[in-house]
Amino acid sequence: MIVGVPNHELLVYVEQKVKAYDIKLAIHNHGTGDRGVIDFKAFLQTISKLGYEGTLALEYETDENDPLPEMAESIGYVKGILATF
């Protein structure tokens, strides 16, 4: 597994290489300023439908001194979405 942040103009090239060499890649972006808004319901439905059994990680950096309350809120949000399907 490679975790990286390819430049936008390199995404097509990176996609070709990960497919050609069977590389698992996790793109590590940082929110709405980098790659837009995520449709979490569609994302979670898709990985569910595909039978994804890998790892999903939550990174929360807004309040580095006390991240737990808002992380818990984010986890609750995801659980709420998952309960709908």
N, C-alpha and C. Protein backbone atom coordinates (compact mmCIF):
# COMPACT_ATOMS: atom_id res chain seq x y z
N MET A 1 0.85 -1.18 0.00
CA MET A 1 0.00 0.00 0.00
C MET A 1 0.89 1.23 0.00
N ILE A 2 0.62 2.11 -0.92
CA ILE A 2 1.30 3.40 -0.97
C ILE A 2 0.29 4.47 -0.61
N VAL A 3 0.67 5.36 0.30
CA VAL A 3 -0.18 6.49 0.64
C VAL A 3 0.51 7.71 0.07
N GLY A 4 -0.22 8.46 -0.74
CA GLY A 4 0.41 9.61 -1.37
C GLY A 4 -0.57 10.69 -1.75
N VAL A 5 -0.03 11.80 -2.22
CA VAL A 5 -0.83 12.92 -2.68
C VAL A 5 -0.30 13.34 -4.05
N PRO A 6 -0.70 12.60 -5.10
CA PRO A 6 -0.22 12.99 -6.43
C PRO A 6 -0.83 14.32 -6.86
N ASN A 7 -0.06 15.10 -7.58
CA ASN A 7 -0.59 16.35 -8.14
C ASN A 7 -1.77 16.02 -9.05
N HIS A 8 -2.73 16.92 -9.11
CA HIS A 8 -3.93 16.67 -9.91
C HIS A 8 -3.60 16.29 -11.33
N GLU A 9 -2.61 16.96 -11.92
CA GLU A 9 -2.27 16.68 -13.31
C GLU A 9 -1.62 15.31 -13.51
N LEU A 10 -1.22 14.65 -12.42
CA LEU A 10 -0.61 13.32 -12.51
C LEU A 10 -1.58 12.18 -12.21
N LEU A 11 -2.82 12.49 -11.86
CA LEU A 11 -3.76 11.44 -11.45
C LEU A 11 -3.99 10.38 -12.54
N VAL A 12 -4.10 10.79 -13.80
CA VAL A 12 -4.31 9.82 -14.88
C VAL A 12 -3.10 8.91 -15.01
N TYR A 13 -1.90 9.49 -14.95
CA TYR A 13 -0.67 8.71 -15.00
C TYR A 13 -0.57 7.74 -13.83
N VAL A 14 -0.86 8.23 -12.64
CA VAL A 14 -0.81 7.38 -11.44
C VAL A 14 -1.81 6.23 -11.57
N GLU A 15 -3.02 6.52 -12.04
CA GLU A 15 -4.02 5.47 -12.22
C GLU A 15 -3.52 4.40 -13.18
N GLN A 16 -2.89 4.81 -14.27
CA GLN A 16 -2.34 3.84 -15.23
C GLN A 16 -1.30 2.94 -14.56
N LYS A 17 -0.43 3.50 -13.78
CA LYS A 17 0.64 2.73 -13.14
C LYS A 17 0.11 1.78 -12.06
N VAL A 18 -0.83 2.24 -11.23
CA VAL A 18 -1.34 1.35 -10.19
C VAL A 18 -2.08 0.17 -10.81
N LYS A 19 -2.75 0.40 -11.95
CA LYS A 19 -3.43 -0.70 -12.64
C LYS A 19 -2.42 -1.62 -13.31
N ALA A 20 -1.40 -1.06 -13.95
CA ALA A 20 -0.40 -1.85 -14.66
C ALA A 20 0.41 -2.73 -13.73
N TYR A 21 0.72 -2.24 -12.55
CA TYR A 21 1.59 -2.97 -11.62
C TYR A 21 0.87 -3.51 -10.40
N ASP A 22 -0.47 -3.45 -10.40
CA ASP A 22 -1.29 -3.94 -9.30
C ASP A 22 -0.83 -3.36 -7.95
N ILE A 23 -0.69 -2.04 -7.92
CA ILE A 23 -0.28 -1.33 -6.71
C ILE A 23 -1.53 -0.83 -6.00
N LYS A 24 -1.58 -0.99 -4.71
CA LYS A 24 -2.68 -0.43 -3.93
C LYS A 24 -2.25 0.97 -3.51
N LEU A 25 -3.10 1.96 -3.82
CA LEU A 25 -2.78 3.35 -3.53
C LEU A 25 -3.89 3.99 -2.73
N ALA A 26 -3.52 4.67 -1.67
CA ALA A 26 -4.47 5.47 -0.90
C ALA A 26 -4.10 6.92 -1.13
N ILE A 27 -5.05 7.69 -1.66
CA ILE A 27 -4.79 9.11 -1.88
C ILE A 27 -5.14 9.86 -0.61
N HIS A 28 -4.17 10.57 -0.11
CA HIS A 28 -4.30 11.29 1.15
C HIS A 28 -4.49 12.77 0.86
N ASN A 29 -5.74 13.19 0.77
CA ASN A 29 -6.00 14.60 0.50
C ASN A 29 -6.42 15.29 1.79
N HIS A 30 -6.60 16.58 1.70
CA HIS A 30 -6.95 17.34 2.89
C HIS A 30 -8.16 18.22 2.66
N GLY A 31 -9.30 17.60 2.49
CA GLY A 31 -10.56 18.32 2.52
C GLY A 31 -10.99 19.02 1.25
N THR A 32 -11.96 19.89 1.42
CA THR A 32 -12.66 20.49 0.29
C THR A 32 -11.78 21.36 -0.59
N GLY A 33 -10.71 21.91 -0.07
CA GLY A 33 -9.83 22.74 -0.89
C GLY A 33 -9.00 21.92 -1.85
N ASP A 34 -8.89 20.59 -1.65
CA ASP A 34 -8.00 19.75 -2.44
C ASP A 34 -8.76 18.95 -3.52
N ARG A 35 -9.84 18.16 -3.19
CA ARG A 35 -10.46 17.34 -4.19
C ARG A 35 -11.95 17.37 -4.15
N GLY A 36 -12.54 18.47 -3.66
CA GLY A 36 -13.98 18.63 -3.70
C GLY A 36 -14.68 18.07 -2.49
N VAL A 37 -15.96 17.88 -2.62
CA VAL A 37 -16.81 17.40 -1.54
C VAL A 37 -17.13 15.93 -1.77
N ILE A 38 -17.00 15.13 -0.74
CA ILE A 38 -17.25 13.69 -0.84
C ILE A 38 -18.72 13.41 -0.57
N ASP A 39 -19.32 12.64 -1.46
CA ASP A 39 -20.68 12.14 -1.25
C ASP A 39 -20.54 10.87 -0.41
N PHE A 40 -20.54 11.03 0.91
CA PHE A 40 -20.25 9.91 1.79
C PHE A 40 -21.24 8.75 1.63
N LYS A 41 -22.52 9.07 1.43
CA LYS A 41 -23.50 8.00 1.27
C LYS A 41 -23.17 7.16 0.03
N ALA A 42 -22.90 7.81 -1.09
CA ALA A 42 -22.56 7.08 -2.32
C ALA A 42 -21.26 6.30 -2.15
N PHE A 43 -20.28 6.92 -1.49
CA PHE A 43 -19.00 6.26 -1.26
C PHE A 43 -19.16 4.99 -0.42
N LEU A 44 -19.88 5.13 0.69
CA LEU A 44 -20.08 3.98 1.58
C LEU A 44 -20.93 2.90 0.92
N GLN A 45 -21.93 3.29 0.14
CA GLN A 45 -22.74 2.30 -0.59
C GLN A 45 -21.87 1.54 -1.59
N THR A 46 -21.00 2.25 -2.28
CA THR A 46 -20.14 1.61 -3.28
C THR A 46 -19.18 0.62 -2.64
N ILE A 47 -18.50 1.02 -1.58
CA ILE A 47 -17.55 0.07 -0.98
C ILE A 47 -18.27 -1.10 -0.33
N SER A 48 -19.48 -0.86 0.13
CA SER A 48 -20.30 -1.94 0.69
C SER A 48 -20.68 -2.93 -0.41
N LYS A 49 -21.15 -2.40 -1.53
CA LYS A 49 -21.55 -3.23 -2.67
C LYS A 49 -20.38 -4.04 -3.21
N LEU A 50 -19.20 -3.46 -3.17
CA LEU A 50 -18.00 -4.14 -3.68
C LEU A 50 -17.45 -5.17 -2.69
N GLY A 51 -18.00 -5.18 -1.48
CA GLY A 51 -17.51 -6.12 -0.47
C GLY A 51 -16.14 -5.75 0.06
N TYR A 52 -15.83 -4.48 0.08
CA TYR A 52 -14.52 -4.01 0.55
C TYR A 52 -14.30 -4.44 1.99
N GLU A 53 -13.15 -5.05 2.24
CA GLU A 53 -12.82 -5.52 3.59
C GLU A 53 -11.53 -4.89 4.12
N GLY A 54 -11.08 -3.84 3.48
CA GLY A 54 -9.85 -3.18 3.91
C GLY A 54 -10.08 -2.19 5.02
N THR A 55 -9.15 -1.32 5.20
CA THR A 55 -9.19 -0.33 6.27
C THR A 55 -9.69 1.01 5.76
N LEU A 56 -10.53 1.64 6.53
CA LEU A 56 -10.92 3.03 6.30
C LEU A 56 -10.43 3.80 7.52
N ALA A 57 -9.78 4.92 7.29
CA ALA A 57 -9.22 5.68 8.41
C ALA A 57 -9.86 7.05 8.50
N LEU A 58 -9.97 7.54 9.72
CA LEU A 58 -10.49 8.87 9.98
C LEU A 58 -9.33 9.73 10.47
N GLU A 59 -9.12 10.83 9.79
CA GLU A 59 -8.09 11.77 10.22
C GLU A 59 -8.80 13.10 10.48
N TYR A 60 -8.62 13.61 11.64
CA TYR A 60 -9.30 14.86 11.99
C TYR A 60 -8.27 15.83 12.53
N GLU A 61 -8.14 16.98 11.89
CA GLU A 61 -7.08 17.91 12.27
C GLU A 61 -7.57 19.30 12.65
N THR A 62 -8.87 19.52 12.71
CA THR A 62 -9.37 20.86 12.98
C THR A 62 -8.99 21.36 14.37
N ASP A 63 -9.19 20.52 15.39
CA ASP A 63 -8.85 20.92 16.75
C ASP A 63 -7.82 19.93 17.29
N GLU A 64 -6.56 20.19 16.99
CA GLU A 64 -5.51 19.24 17.35
C GLU A 64 -5.35 19.06 18.87
N ASN A 65 -5.81 20.02 19.67
CA ASN A 65 -5.70 19.91 21.11
C ASN A 65 -6.79 19.05 21.74
N ASP A 66 -7.93 18.93 21.07
CA ASP A 66 -9.04 18.13 21.60
C ASP A 66 -9.88 17.57 20.43
N PRO A 67 -9.32 16.63 19.67
CA PRO A 67 -10.02 16.14 18.47
C PRO A 67 -11.15 15.14 18.77
N LEU A 68 -11.18 14.54 19.94
CA LEU A 68 -12.12 13.44 20.19
C LEU A 68 -13.60 13.78 20.04
N PRO A 69 -14.09 14.92 20.56
CA PRO A 69 -15.53 15.18 20.41
C PRO A 69 -15.98 15.25 18.95
N GLU A 70 -15.22 15.94 18.11
CA GLU A 70 -15.63 16.06 16.72
C GLU A 70 -15.35 14.78 15.93
N MET A 71 -14.35 14.01 16.34
CA MET A 71 -14.14 12.69 15.72
C MET A 71 -15.32 11.78 16.03
N ALA A 72 -15.79 11.82 17.28
CA ALA A 72 -16.95 11.01 17.67
C ALA A 72 -18.17 11.42 16.86
N GLU A 73 -18.32 12.71 16.63
CA GLU A 73 -19.44 13.20 15.82
C GLU A 73 -19.33 12.66 14.38
N SER A 74 -18.13 12.66 13.84
CA SER A 74 -17.91 12.14 12.49
C SER A 74 -18.22 10.65 12.40
N ILE A 75 -17.81 9.90 13.41
CA ILE A 75 -18.10 8.46 13.44
C ILE A 75 -19.60 8.23 13.55
N GLY A 76 -20.26 9.03 14.36
CA GLY A 76 -21.72 8.93 14.46
C GLY A 76 -22.40 9.23 13.14
N TYR A 77 -21.87 10.19 12.40
CA TYR A 77 -22.41 10.54 11.08
C TYR A 77 -22.30 9.34 10.14
N VAL A 78 -21.14 8.70 10.12
CA VAL A 78 -20.93 7.53 9.25
C VAL A 78 -21.85 6.38 9.68
N LYS A 79 -21.95 6.15 10.98
CA LYS A 79 -22.85 5.09 11.46
C LYS A 79 -24.30 5.37 11.06
N GLY A 80 -24.70 6.63 11.10
CA GLY A 80 -26.04 7.01 10.68
C GLY A 80 -26.28 6.70 9.21
N ILE A 81 -25.29 6.99 8.38
CA ILE A 81 -25.42 6.66 6.96
C ILE A 81 -25.52 5.16 6.76
N LEU A 82 -24.64 4.41 7.42
CA LEU A 82 -24.63 2.95 7.27
C LEU A 82 -25.95 2.32 7.71
N ALA A 83 -26.61 2.94 8.66
CA ALA A 83 -27.89 2.39 9.16
C ALA A 83 -29.01 2.53 8.13
N THR A 84 -28.78 3.34 7.08
CA THR A 84 -29.82 3.54 6.08
C THR A 84 -29.82 2.49 4.97
N PHE A 85 -28.82 1.63 4.96
CA PHE A 85 -28.81 0.56 3.94
C PHE A 85 -28.30 -0.74 4.49
